[in-house]
Amino acid sequence: MPAGAAFGPTYGRGAEGRWTIDPKAPEHVRRVVHELGAGGEIARGIVHLAAVDVPPLDAKARETSLVEPDRVATGSLLHVVQALSGAM
């Protein structure tokens, strides 16, 4: 069964297989991974779409540092990888 998580300010579990998580909170991702595993779900693939809506960086921003949307997109992906590696 497909499962999905949307970004929001707090953790929440909605309809079956749907969650709301704070992308800056690694414990939210760990909780989703744990709940999926407790339900007997086996991930056959993961699609991380957080960066789809990130606006392109201008040249000046690239030279200085990551801007907030990039931090959220890359940070949330890191949380997913960490949660999955801890679940194995």
N, C-alpha and C. Protein backbone atom coordinates (compact mmCIF):
# COMPACT_ATOMS: atom_id res chain seq x y z
N MET A 1 0.84 -1.18 0.00
CA MET A 1 0.00 0.00 0.00
C MET A 1 0.89 1.24 0.00
N PRO A 2 0.64 2.18 -0.86
CA PRO A 2 1.42 3.43 -0.84
C PRO A 2 1.17 4.21 0.45
N ALA A 3 2.22 4.82 0.94
CA ALA A 3 2.13 5.66 2.13
C ALA A 3 2.70 7.02 1.75
N GLY A 4 2.35 8.05 2.50
CA GLY A 4 2.86 9.37 2.17
C GLY A 4 2.89 10.28 3.37
N ALA A 5 3.78 11.24 3.31
CA ALA A 5 3.90 12.25 4.36
C ALA A 5 3.95 13.62 3.71
N ALA A 6 3.22 14.54 4.29
CA ALA A 6 3.23 15.93 3.84
C ALA A 6 3.86 16.77 4.94
N PHE A 7 4.45 17.89 4.55
CA PHE A 7 5.08 18.77 5.53
C PHE A 7 4.03 19.62 6.24
N GLY A 8 4.22 19.78 7.52
CA GLY A 8 3.36 20.61 8.34
C GLY A 8 4.12 21.01 9.60
N PRO A 9 3.52 21.80 10.45
CA PRO A 9 4.23 22.28 11.64
C PRO A 9 4.36 21.25 12.75
N THR A 10 3.51 20.21 12.74
CA THR A 10 3.54 19.22 13.81
C THR A 10 3.36 17.82 13.23
N TYR A 11 3.63 16.82 14.08
CA TYR A 11 3.42 15.43 13.67
C TYR A 11 1.93 15.12 13.74
N GLY A 12 1.45 14.38 12.77
CA GLY A 12 0.07 13.94 12.81
C GLY A 12 -0.13 12.74 11.91
N ARG A 13 -1.02 11.88 12.30
CA ARG A 13 -1.36 10.72 11.47
C ARG A 13 -2.79 10.88 11.02
N GLY A 14 -2.98 10.86 9.72
CA GLY A 14 -4.30 11.04 9.17
C GLY A 14 -4.89 9.71 8.75
N ALA A 15 -5.48 9.70 7.57
CA ALA A 15 -6.05 8.48 7.02
C ALA A 15 -4.95 7.42 6.89
N GLU A 16 -5.34 6.20 6.72
CA GLU A 16 -4.39 5.09 6.65
C GLU A 16 -3.27 5.37 5.64
N GLY A 17 -2.04 5.29 6.13
CA GLY A 17 -0.89 5.49 5.26
C GLY A 17 -0.56 6.95 4.99
N ARG A 18 -1.10 7.88 5.77
CA ARG A 18 -0.84 9.31 5.56
C ARG A 18 -0.40 9.96 6.87
N TRP A 19 0.64 10.77 6.77
CA TRP A 19 1.17 11.48 7.93
C TRP A 19 1.43 12.93 7.58
N THR A 20 1.53 13.75 8.61
CA THR A 20 2.03 15.11 8.50
C THR A 20 3.25 15.17 9.41
N ILE A 21 4.35 15.69 8.87
CA ILE A 21 5.58 15.77 9.65
C ILE A 21 6.23 17.14 9.49
N ASP A 22 6.97 17.53 10.49
CA ASP A 22 7.80 18.73 10.39
C ASP A 22 9.10 18.29 9.73
N PRO A 23 9.45 18.84 8.57
CA PRO A 23 10.64 18.37 7.85
C PRO A 23 11.95 18.63 8.61
N LYS A 24 11.91 19.48 9.61
CA LYS A 24 13.11 19.76 10.39
C LYS A 24 13.21 18.87 11.63
N ALA A 25 12.27 17.95 11.81
CA ALA A 25 12.23 17.10 13.00
C ALA A 25 12.53 15.65 12.63
N PRO A 26 13.76 15.21 12.83
CA PRO A 26 14.11 13.83 12.46
C PRO A 26 13.29 12.79 13.22
N GLU A 27 12.85 13.13 14.44
CA GLU A 27 12.04 12.16 15.20
C GLU A 27 10.71 11.89 14.51
N HIS A 28 10.19 12.84 13.73
CA HIS A 28 8.95 12.59 13.00
C HIS A 28 9.15 11.53 11.93
N VAL A 29 10.27 11.62 11.21
CA VAL A 29 10.55 10.64 10.16
C VAL A 29 10.79 9.27 10.79
N ARG A 30 11.54 9.23 11.89
CA ARG A 30 11.78 7.95 12.57
C ARG A 30 10.46 7.32 13.01
N ARG A 31 9.56 8.14 13.49
CA ARG A 31 8.26 7.64 13.95
C ARG A 31 7.46 7.04 12.79
N VAL A 32 7.46 7.70 11.65
CA VAL A 32 6.75 7.16 10.48
C VAL A 32 7.36 5.83 10.07
N VAL A 33 8.69 5.76 10.00
CA VAL A 33 9.36 4.52 9.62
C VAL A 33 9.01 3.41 10.62
N HIS A 34 9.02 3.74 11.89
CA HIS A 34 8.68 2.76 12.92
C HIS A 34 7.23 2.28 12.77
N GLU A 35 6.31 3.21 12.56
CA GLU A 35 4.89 2.84 12.43
C GLU A 35 4.65 1.99 11.18
N LEU A 36 5.36 2.30 10.11
CA LEU A 36 5.23 1.47 8.91
C LEU A 36 5.73 0.06 9.17
N GLY A 37 6.87 -0.04 9.84
CA GLY A 37 7.43 -1.35 10.16
C GLY A 37 6.56 -2.13 11.12
N ALA A 38 5.95 -1.45 12.10
CA ALA A 38 5.09 -2.11 13.06
C ALA A 38 3.84 -2.66 12.40
N GLY A 39 3.43 -2.03 11.32
CA GLY A 39 2.26 -2.49 10.58
C GLY A 39 2.59 -3.58 9.57
N GLY A 40 3.84 -4.03 9.55
CA GLY A 40 4.25 -5.09 8.64
C GLY A 40 4.56 -4.61 7.23
N GLU A 41 4.59 -3.31 7.04
CA GLU A 41 4.88 -2.76 5.71
C GLU A 41 6.35 -2.94 5.36
N ILE A 42 6.62 -3.24 4.13
CA ILE A 42 8.00 -3.33 3.63
C ILE A 42 8.13 -2.30 2.51
N ALA A 43 9.06 -1.37 2.68
CA ALA A 43 9.26 -0.35 1.64
C ALA A 43 9.96 -0.98 0.45
N ARG A 44 9.35 -0.86 -0.70
CA ARG A 44 9.96 -1.36 -1.93
C ARG A 44 10.59 -0.24 -2.72
N GLY A 45 10.38 0.96 -2.25
CA GLY A 45 10.95 2.14 -2.90
C GLY A 45 10.49 3.38 -2.17
N ILE A 46 11.26 4.42 -2.29
CA ILE A 46 10.93 5.69 -1.65
C ILE A 46 11.13 6.79 -2.68
N VAL A 47 10.17 7.67 -2.75
CA VAL A 47 10.27 8.84 -3.61
C VAL A 47 10.23 10.06 -2.70
N HIS A 48 11.30 10.83 -2.72
CA HIS A 48 11.40 12.03 -1.87
C HIS A 48 11.20 13.23 -2.78
N LEU A 49 10.09 13.93 -2.61
CA LEU A 49 9.74 15.02 -3.52
C LEU A 49 9.87 16.41 -2.90
N ALA A 50 10.54 16.52 -1.77
CA ALA A 50 10.62 17.81 -1.09
C ALA A 50 11.28 18.89 -1.93
N ALA A 51 12.20 18.53 -2.80
CA ALA A 51 12.92 19.52 -3.59
C ALA A 51 12.19 19.95 -4.86
N VAL A 52 11.07 19.33 -5.15
CA VAL A 52 10.34 19.65 -6.38
C VAL A 52 9.92 21.11 -6.41
N ASP A 53 9.50 21.64 -5.29
CA ASP A 53 9.00 23.02 -5.24
C ASP A 53 10.05 24.05 -4.82
N VAL A 54 11.29 23.62 -4.66
CA VAL A 54 12.35 24.56 -4.25
C VAL A 54 12.70 25.46 -5.44
N PRO A 55 12.62 26.77 -5.24
CA PRO A 55 12.97 27.66 -6.35
C PRO A 55 14.46 27.59 -6.66
N PRO A 56 14.84 27.83 -7.90
CA PRO A 56 16.27 27.80 -8.24
C PRO A 56 17.02 28.88 -7.49
N LEU A 57 18.26 28.58 -7.15
CA LEU A 57 19.12 29.56 -6.48
C LEU A 57 19.69 30.53 -7.50
N ASP A 58 19.78 31.77 -7.10
CA ASP A 58 20.48 32.70 -7.98
C ASP A 58 21.99 32.55 -7.71
N ALA A 59 22.81 33.12 -8.57
CA ALA A 59 24.26 32.95 -8.48
C ALA A 59 24.82 33.41 -7.14
N LYS A 60 24.33 34.52 -6.62
CA LYS A 60 24.84 35.04 -5.35
C LYS A 60 24.52 34.09 -4.21
N ALA A 61 23.32 33.55 -4.18
CA ALA A 61 22.94 32.62 -3.12
C ALA A 61 23.80 31.36 -3.16
N ARG A 62 24.14 30.89 -4.34
CA ARG A 62 24.99 29.70 -4.47
C ARG A 62 26.36 29.93 -3.87
N GLU A 63 26.86 31.15 -4.00
CA GLU A 63 28.19 31.45 -3.49
C GLU A 63 28.23 31.55 -1.97
N THR A 64 27.14 31.93 -1.36
CA THR A 64 27.16 32.18 0.07
C THR A 64 26.79 30.94 0.88
N SER A 65 25.63 30.40 0.70
CA SER A 65 25.21 29.23 1.46
C SER A 65 23.87 28.74 0.93
N LEU A 66 23.44 27.65 1.50
CA LEU A 66 22.11 27.15 1.16
C LEU A 66 21.06 28.07 1.76
N VAL A 67 20.00 28.26 1.05
CA VAL A 67 18.89 29.04 1.58
C VAL A 67 17.88 28.09 2.23
N GLU A 68 16.94 28.61 2.97
CA GLU A 68 16.03 27.79 3.77
C GLU A 68 15.33 26.66 3.00
N PRO A 69 14.74 26.89 1.83
CA PRO A 69 14.08 25.77 1.15
C PRO A 69 15.05 24.63 0.82
N ASP A 70 16.29 24.97 0.49
CA ASP A 70 17.27 23.93 0.21
C ASP A 70 17.63 23.16 1.47
N ARG A 71 17.73 23.87 2.59
CA ARG A 71 18.01 23.20 3.86
C ARG A 71 16.90 22.22 4.21
N VAL A 72 15.67 22.64 4.00
CA VAL A 72 14.53 21.77 4.30
C VAL A 72 14.55 20.55 3.39
N ALA A 73 14.76 20.75 2.12
CA ALA A 73 14.75 19.64 1.16
C ALA A 73 15.88 18.66 1.43
N THR A 74 17.10 19.15 1.58
CA THR A 74 18.22 18.24 1.81
C THR A 74 18.20 17.67 3.22
N GLY A 75 17.81 18.48 4.18
CA GLY A 75 17.75 17.99 5.56
C GLY A 75 16.71 16.91 5.74
N SER A 76 15.55 17.07 5.12
CA SER A 76 14.51 16.05 5.26
C SER A 76 14.93 14.75 4.58
N LEU A 77 15.66 14.83 3.49
CA LEU A 77 16.17 13.62 2.85
C LEU A 77 17.18 12.92 3.76
N LEU A 78 18.04 13.69 4.39
CA LEU A 78 19.00 13.12 5.34
C LEU A 78 18.26 12.41 6.47
N HIS A 79 17.18 13.00 6.98
CA HIS A 79 16.40 12.37 8.05
C HIS A 79 15.81 11.03 7.58
N VAL A 80 15.37 10.97 6.34
CA VAL A 80 14.82 9.72 5.79
C VAL A 80 15.91 8.64 5.76
N VAL A 81 17.08 8.98 5.23
CA VAL A 81 18.18 8.02 5.15
C VAL A 81 18.59 7.55 6.54
N GLN A 82 18.69 8.46 7.48
CA GLN A 82 19.07 8.09 8.84
C GLN A 82 18.02 7.20 9.48
N ALA A 83 16.75 7.51 9.30
CA ALA A 83 15.68 6.70 9.88
C ALA A 83 15.68 5.30 9.29
N LEU A 84 15.89 5.20 7.99
CA LEU A 84 15.91 3.88 7.34
C LEU A 84 17.14 3.07 7.77
N SER A 85 18.28 3.71 7.91
CA SER A 85 19.48 2.97 8.31
C SER A 85 19.35 2.49 9.76
N GLY A 86 18.64 3.24 10.59
CA GLY A 86 18.42 2.81 11.97
C GLY A 86 17.37 1.72 12.08
N ALA A 87 16.54 1.58 11.07
CA ALA A 87 15.46 0.59 11.10
C ALA A 87 15.93 -0.78 10.60
N MET A 88 17.10 -0.84 10.02
CA MET A 88 17.59 -2.10 9.45
C MET A 88 18.22 -2.98 10.50
